[in-house]
């Protein structure tokens, strides 16, 4: 399936993937090719993309997820590539959200 991850500043990832893992208000979601069409809010945490026999993780402060069955689009508020696993991405994503929330006050 084709995956596109973008933030207001940049395109963070584009390409084919075998799986995407992220967090919604209802819990973590794993997306495989053929997933039913869905639009969901993403909560602060991690976004992991499995592609080319490797995993790439991003910290995300929140955003929107759209799944069409053969395509996944992530529109993130703040997105930062992480040197680490999905758990590290979750931790950093939650910190990004805290910094964003505090700076808006």
N, C-alpha and C. Protein backbone atom coordinates (compact mmCIF):
# COMPACT_ATOMS: atom_id res chain seq x y z
N UNK A 1 0.85 -1.17 0.00
CA UNK A 1 0.00 0.00 0.00
C UNK A 1 0.90 1.23 0.00
N UNK A 2 0.38 2.29 -0.56
CA UNK A 2 1.14 3.54 -0.64
C UNK A 2 0.89 4.36 0.62
N UNK A 3 1.95 4.92 1.20
CA UNK A 3 1.84 5.70 2.44
C UNK A 3 2.45 7.07 2.21
N UNK A 4 1.75 8.08 2.70
CA UNK A 4 2.25 9.45 2.62
C UNK A 4 2.08 10.09 3.99
N UNK A 5 3.18 10.63 4.53
CA UNK A 5 3.15 11.31 5.83
C UNK A 5 3.64 12.74 5.59
N UNK A 6 2.79 13.71 5.92
CA UNK A 6 3.15 15.10 5.71
C UNK A 6 2.83 15.92 6.95
N UNK A 7 3.61 16.99 7.12
CA UNK A 7 3.35 17.98 8.16
C UNK A 7 3.24 19.32 7.43
N UNK A 8 2.87 20.38 8.12
CA UNK A 8 2.80 21.68 7.44
C UNK A 8 4.15 22.12 6.86
N UNK A 9 5.24 21.64 7.43
CA UNK A 9 6.57 22.06 6.99
C UNK A 9 7.17 21.20 5.88
N UNK A 10 6.82 19.90 5.84
CA UNK A 10 7.52 19.02 4.91
C UNK A 10 6.78 17.71 4.66
N UNK A 11 7.22 17.03 3.61
CA UNK A 11 6.79 15.67 3.36
C UNK A 11 7.78 14.77 4.10
N UNK A 12 7.30 13.97 5.02
CA UNK A 12 8.18 13.19 5.90
C UNK A 12 8.44 11.78 5.37
N UNK A 13 7.46 11.21 4.65
CA UNK A 13 7.63 9.86 4.09
C UNK A 13 6.65 9.70 2.94
N UNK A 14 7.12 9.12 1.86
CA UNK A 14 6.25 8.70 0.76
C UNK A 14 6.81 7.40 0.22
N UNK A 15 5.96 6.44 0.00
CA UNK A 15 6.41 5.18 -0.56
C UNK A 15 5.51 4.03 -0.19
N UNK A 16 5.90 2.85 -0.67
CA UNK A 16 5.14 1.64 -0.39
C UNK A 16 5.50 1.09 0.98
N UNK A 17 4.53 0.53 1.66
CA UNK A 17 4.74 -0.05 2.98
C UNK A 17 3.88 -1.30 3.14
N UNK A 18 4.28 -2.16 4.06
CA UNK A 18 3.50 -3.36 4.34
C UNK A 18 2.60 -3.17 5.55
N UNK A 19 2.96 -2.21 6.46
CA UNK A 19 2.16 -1.98 7.65
C UNK A 19 2.42 -0.58 8.20
N UNK A 20 1.38 0.00 8.80
CA UNK A 20 1.50 1.29 9.49
C UNK A 20 0.87 1.11 10.87
N UNK A 21 1.54 1.63 11.89
CA UNK A 21 1.03 1.56 13.27
C UNK A 21 0.96 2.98 13.81
N UNK A 22 -0.19 3.36 14.38
CA UNK A 22 -0.33 4.67 14.99
C UNK A 22 -1.37 4.61 16.09
N UNK A 23 -1.61 5.76 16.75
CA UNK A 23 -2.54 5.81 17.88
C UNK A 23 -3.71 6.73 17.58
N UNK A 24 -4.91 6.25 17.89
CA UNK A 24 -6.13 7.04 17.79
C UNK A 24 -6.72 7.16 19.19
N UNK A 25 -7.75 7.97 19.38
CA UNK A 25 -8.38 8.05 20.71
C UNK A 25 -8.92 6.70 21.20
N UNK A 26 -9.17 5.76 20.28
CA UNK A 26 -9.68 4.45 20.66
C UNK A 26 -8.59 3.41 20.86
N UNK A 27 -7.32 3.81 20.76
CA UNK A 27 -6.22 2.88 20.96
C UNK A 27 -5.32 2.81 19.73
N UNK A 28 -4.35 1.92 19.80
CA UNK A 28 -3.40 1.77 18.71
C UNK A 28 -4.07 1.05 17.53
N UNK A 29 -3.69 1.46 16.33
CA UNK A 29 -4.26 0.88 15.12
C UNK A 29 -3.13 0.36 14.23
N UNK A 30 -3.30 -0.85 13.74
CA UNK A 30 -2.36 -1.43 12.79
C UNK A 30 -3.05 -1.51 11.45
N UNK A 31 -2.41 -0.99 10.43
CA UNK A 31 -3.02 -0.91 9.11
C UNK A 31 -2.25 -1.77 8.12
N UNK A 32 -2.95 -2.68 7.49
CA UNK A 32 -2.39 -3.52 6.43
C UNK A 32 -3.12 -3.19 5.14
N UNK A 33 -2.55 -3.61 4.01
CA UNK A 33 -3.20 -3.38 2.73
C UNK A 33 -4.61 -3.99 2.75
N UNK A 34 -5.57 -3.28 2.19
CA UNK A 34 -6.94 -3.75 2.17
C UNK A 34 -7.76 -3.35 3.38
N UNK A 35 -7.16 -2.58 4.29
CA UNK A 35 -7.89 -2.11 5.48
C UNK A 35 -9.12 -1.34 5.03
N UNK A 36 -10.20 -1.46 5.78
CA UNK A 36 -11.41 -0.75 5.40
C UNK A 36 -11.19 0.76 5.44
N UNK A 37 -11.83 1.50 4.53
CA UNK A 37 -11.67 2.96 4.51
C UNK A 37 -12.03 3.56 5.87
N UNK A 38 -11.17 4.44 6.33
CA UNK A 38 -11.31 5.03 7.65
C UNK A 38 -10.73 6.44 7.65
N UNK A 39 -11.32 7.32 8.44
CA UNK A 39 -10.73 8.61 8.77
C UNK A 39 -10.72 8.68 10.29
N UNK A 40 -9.57 9.01 10.87
CA UNK A 40 -9.45 9.02 12.33
C UNK A 40 -8.55 10.17 12.77
N UNK A 41 -8.77 10.61 13.99
CA UNK A 41 -7.89 11.57 14.63
C UNK A 41 -6.71 10.81 15.22
N UNK A 42 -5.52 11.36 15.09
CA UNK A 42 -4.34 10.76 15.71
C UNK A 42 -4.01 11.52 16.99
N UNK A 43 -3.75 10.78 18.05
CA UNK A 43 -3.36 11.40 19.31
C UNK A 43 -1.84 11.44 19.39
N UNK A 44 -1.29 12.28 20.27
CA UNK A 44 0.17 12.35 20.39
C UNK A 44 0.77 10.98 20.67
N UNK A 45 1.85 10.70 19.99
CA UNK A 45 2.51 9.41 20.18
C UNK A 45 3.39 9.04 19.02
N UNK A 46 3.37 7.76 18.68
CA UNK A 46 4.26 7.25 17.65
C UNK A 46 3.53 6.83 16.39
N UNK A 47 4.26 6.89 15.31
CA UNK A 47 3.80 6.43 14.00
C UNK A 47 4.94 5.59 13.44
N UNK A 48 4.68 4.32 13.18
CA UNK A 48 5.72 3.44 12.67
C UNK A 48 5.28 2.86 11.34
N UNK A 49 6.20 2.89 10.37
CA UNK A 49 5.93 2.39 9.02
C UNK A 49 6.89 1.25 8.74
N UNK A 50 6.34 0.09 8.38
CA UNK A 50 7.16 -1.06 8.02
C UNK A 50 7.26 -1.08 6.49
N UNK A 51 8.50 -1.00 5.99
CA UNK A 51 8.74 -0.96 4.55
C UNK A 51 10.13 -1.50 4.25
N UNK A 52 10.27 -2.15 3.12
CA UNK A 52 11.58 -2.67 2.68
C UNK A 52 12.29 -3.47 3.78
N UNK A 53 11.54 -4.30 4.50
CA UNK A 53 12.08 -5.13 5.58
C UNK A 53 12.73 -4.32 6.70
N UNK A 54 12.25 -3.10 6.92
CA UNK A 54 12.73 -2.28 8.02
C UNK A 54 11.57 -1.46 8.57
N UNK A 55 11.79 -0.85 9.71
CA UNK A 55 10.77 0.00 10.32
C UNK A 55 11.32 1.40 10.49
N UNK A 56 10.51 2.38 10.13
CA UNK A 56 10.85 3.79 10.33
C UNK A 56 9.80 4.36 11.27
N UNK A 57 10.29 5.00 12.35
CA UNK A 57 9.37 5.54 13.36
C UNK A 57 9.42 7.06 13.40
N UNK A 58 8.27 7.64 13.66
CA UNK A 58 8.14 9.09 13.78
C UNK A 58 7.41 9.41 15.08
N UNK A 59 7.80 10.51 15.71
CA UNK A 59 7.02 11.07 16.81
C UNK A 59 6.03 12.03 16.16
N UNK A 60 4.79 12.00 16.63
CA UNK A 60 3.76 12.85 16.05
C UNK A 60 2.94 13.48 17.18
N UNK A 61 2.73 14.81 17.09
CA UNK A 61 2.02 15.51 18.16
C UNK A 61 0.51 15.38 18.02
N UNK A 62 0.05 14.84 16.91
CA UNK A 62 -1.38 14.68 16.64
C UNK A 62 -1.61 14.90 15.15
N UNK A 63 -2.82 14.64 14.70
CA UNK A 63 -3.12 14.84 13.30
C UNK A 63 -4.33 14.05 12.85
N UNK A 64 -4.38 13.82 11.54
CA UNK A 64 -5.50 13.11 10.92
C UNK A 64 -4.94 11.95 10.09
N UNK A 65 -5.64 10.84 10.11
CA UNK A 65 -5.28 9.64 9.37
C UNK A 65 -6.42 9.31 8.40
N UNK A 66 -6.07 9.09 7.13
CA UNK A 66 -7.07 8.67 6.15
C UNK A 66 -6.59 7.38 5.50
N UNK A 67 -7.46 6.38 5.49
CA UNK A 67 -7.16 5.09 4.88
C UNK A 67 -8.18 4.86 3.77
N UNK A 68 -7.69 4.54 2.56
CA UNK A 68 -8.62 4.29 1.46
C UNK A 68 -8.63 2.82 1.06
N UNK A 69 -7.80 2.00 1.64
CA UNK A 69 -7.71 0.59 1.28
C UNK A 69 -6.38 0.30 0.63
N UNK A 70 -6.00 1.12 -0.35
CA UNK A 70 -4.70 0.95 -0.99
C UNK A 70 -3.76 2.11 -0.71
N UNK A 71 -4.24 3.09 0.08
CA UNK A 71 -3.43 4.27 0.38
C UNK A 71 -3.69 4.73 1.81
N UNK A 72 -2.61 5.16 2.49
CA UNK A 72 -2.72 5.72 3.84
C UNK A 72 -2.10 7.11 3.80
N UNK A 73 -2.85 8.10 4.25
CA UNK A 73 -2.35 9.47 4.31
C UNK A 73 -2.38 9.92 5.76
N UNK A 74 -1.25 10.42 6.25
CA UNK A 74 -1.16 10.97 7.60
C UNK A 74 -0.85 12.45 7.47
N UNK A 75 -1.75 13.29 7.99
CA UNK A 75 -1.53 14.72 8.05
C UNK A 75 -1.20 15.05 9.49
N UNK A 76 0.07 15.26 9.77
CA UNK A 76 0.52 15.47 11.14
C UNK A 76 0.73 16.93 11.46
N UNK A 77 0.53 17.28 12.72
CA UNK A 77 0.79 18.65 13.18
C UNK A 77 2.30 18.85 13.24
N UNK A 78 2.95 18.18 14.18
CA UNK A 78 4.42 18.15 14.26
C UNK A 78 4.84 16.71 14.07
N UNK A 79 5.76 16.47 13.15
CA UNK A 79 6.24 15.12 12.87
C UNK A 79 7.76 15.15 12.90
N UNK A 80 8.35 14.22 13.66
CA UNK A 80 9.80 14.18 13.80
C UNK A 80 10.28 12.74 13.66
N UNK A 81 11.21 12.49 12.73
CA UNK A 81 11.76 11.14 12.58
C UNK A 81 12.56 10.79 13.82
N UNK A 82 12.42 9.53 14.26
CA UNK A 82 13.04 9.08 15.51
C UNK A 82 14.09 8.01 15.23
N UNK A 83 15.23 8.14 15.87
CA UNK A 83 16.23 7.06 15.87
C UNK A 83 15.88 6.16 17.03
N UNK A 84 15.08 5.17 16.77
CA UNK A 84 14.65 4.27 17.83
C UNK A 84 13.40 3.53 17.39
N UNK A 85 12.80 2.84 18.35
CA UNK A 85 11.64 2.01 18.04
C UNK A 85 10.33 2.76 18.27
N UNK A 86 9.23 2.05 18.13
CA UNK A 86 7.90 2.63 18.27
C UNK A 86 7.67 3.20 19.67
N UNK A 87 8.17 2.51 20.70
CA UNK A 87 7.99 3.01 22.08
C UNK A 87 8.68 4.35 22.27
N UNK A 88 9.87 4.51 21.71
CA UNK A 88 10.59 5.78 21.80
C UNK A 88 9.82 6.88 21.05
N UNK A 89 9.24 6.53 19.90
CA UNK A 89 8.46 7.49 19.12
C UNK A 89 7.24 7.96 19.92
N UNK A 90 6.59 7.05 20.63
CA UNK A 90 5.44 7.41 21.46
C UNK A 90 5.86 8.43 22.52
N UNK A 91 6.95 8.14 23.19
CA UNK A 91 7.46 9.02 24.25
C UNK A 91 7.77 10.41 23.71
N UNK A 92 8.49 10.49 22.60
CA UNK A 92 8.86 11.78 22.02
C UNK A 92 7.63 12.51 21.48
N UNK A 93 6.68 11.79 20.89
CA UNK A 93 5.46 12.40 20.39
C UNK A 93 4.65 13.06 21.50
N UNK A 94 4.58 12.41 22.64
CA UNK A 94 3.86 12.98 23.78
C UNK A 94 4.57 14.24 24.29
N UNK A 95 5.90 14.23 24.26
CA UNK A 95 6.66 15.42 24.66
C UNK A 95 6.45 16.56 23.67
N UNK A 96 6.42 16.25 22.37
CA UNK A 96 6.15 17.28 21.35
C UNK A 96 4.81 17.94 21.61
N UNK A 97 3.80 17.15 21.91
CA UNK A 97 2.47 17.69 22.16
C UNK A 97 2.47 18.59 23.40
N UNK A 98 3.19 18.20 24.44
CA UNK A 98 3.26 19.03 25.65
C UNK A 98 3.91 20.37 25.35
N UNK A 99 5.00 20.35 24.58
CA UNK A 99 5.70 21.59 24.22
C UNK A 99 4.80 22.49 23.37
N UNK A 100 4.06 21.90 22.45
CA UNK A 100 3.16 22.66 21.60
C UNK A 100 2.05 23.29 22.42
N UNK A 101 1.47 22.51 23.32
CA UNK A 101 0.37 23.00 24.15
C UNK A 101 0.86 24.12 25.06
N UNK A 102 2.04 23.99 25.66
CA UNK A 102 2.55 25.01 26.58
C UNK A 102 2.90 26.29 25.83
N UNK A 103 3.43 26.17 24.61
CA UNK A 103 3.82 27.36 23.87
C UNK A 103 2.62 28.12 23.31
N UNK A 104 1.45 27.49 23.22
CA UNK A 104 0.24 28.14 22.72
C UNK A 104 -0.42 29.01 23.78
N UNK A 105 -0.08 28.81 25.05
CA UNK A 105 -0.75 29.55 26.13
C UNK A 105 -0.23 30.94 26.26
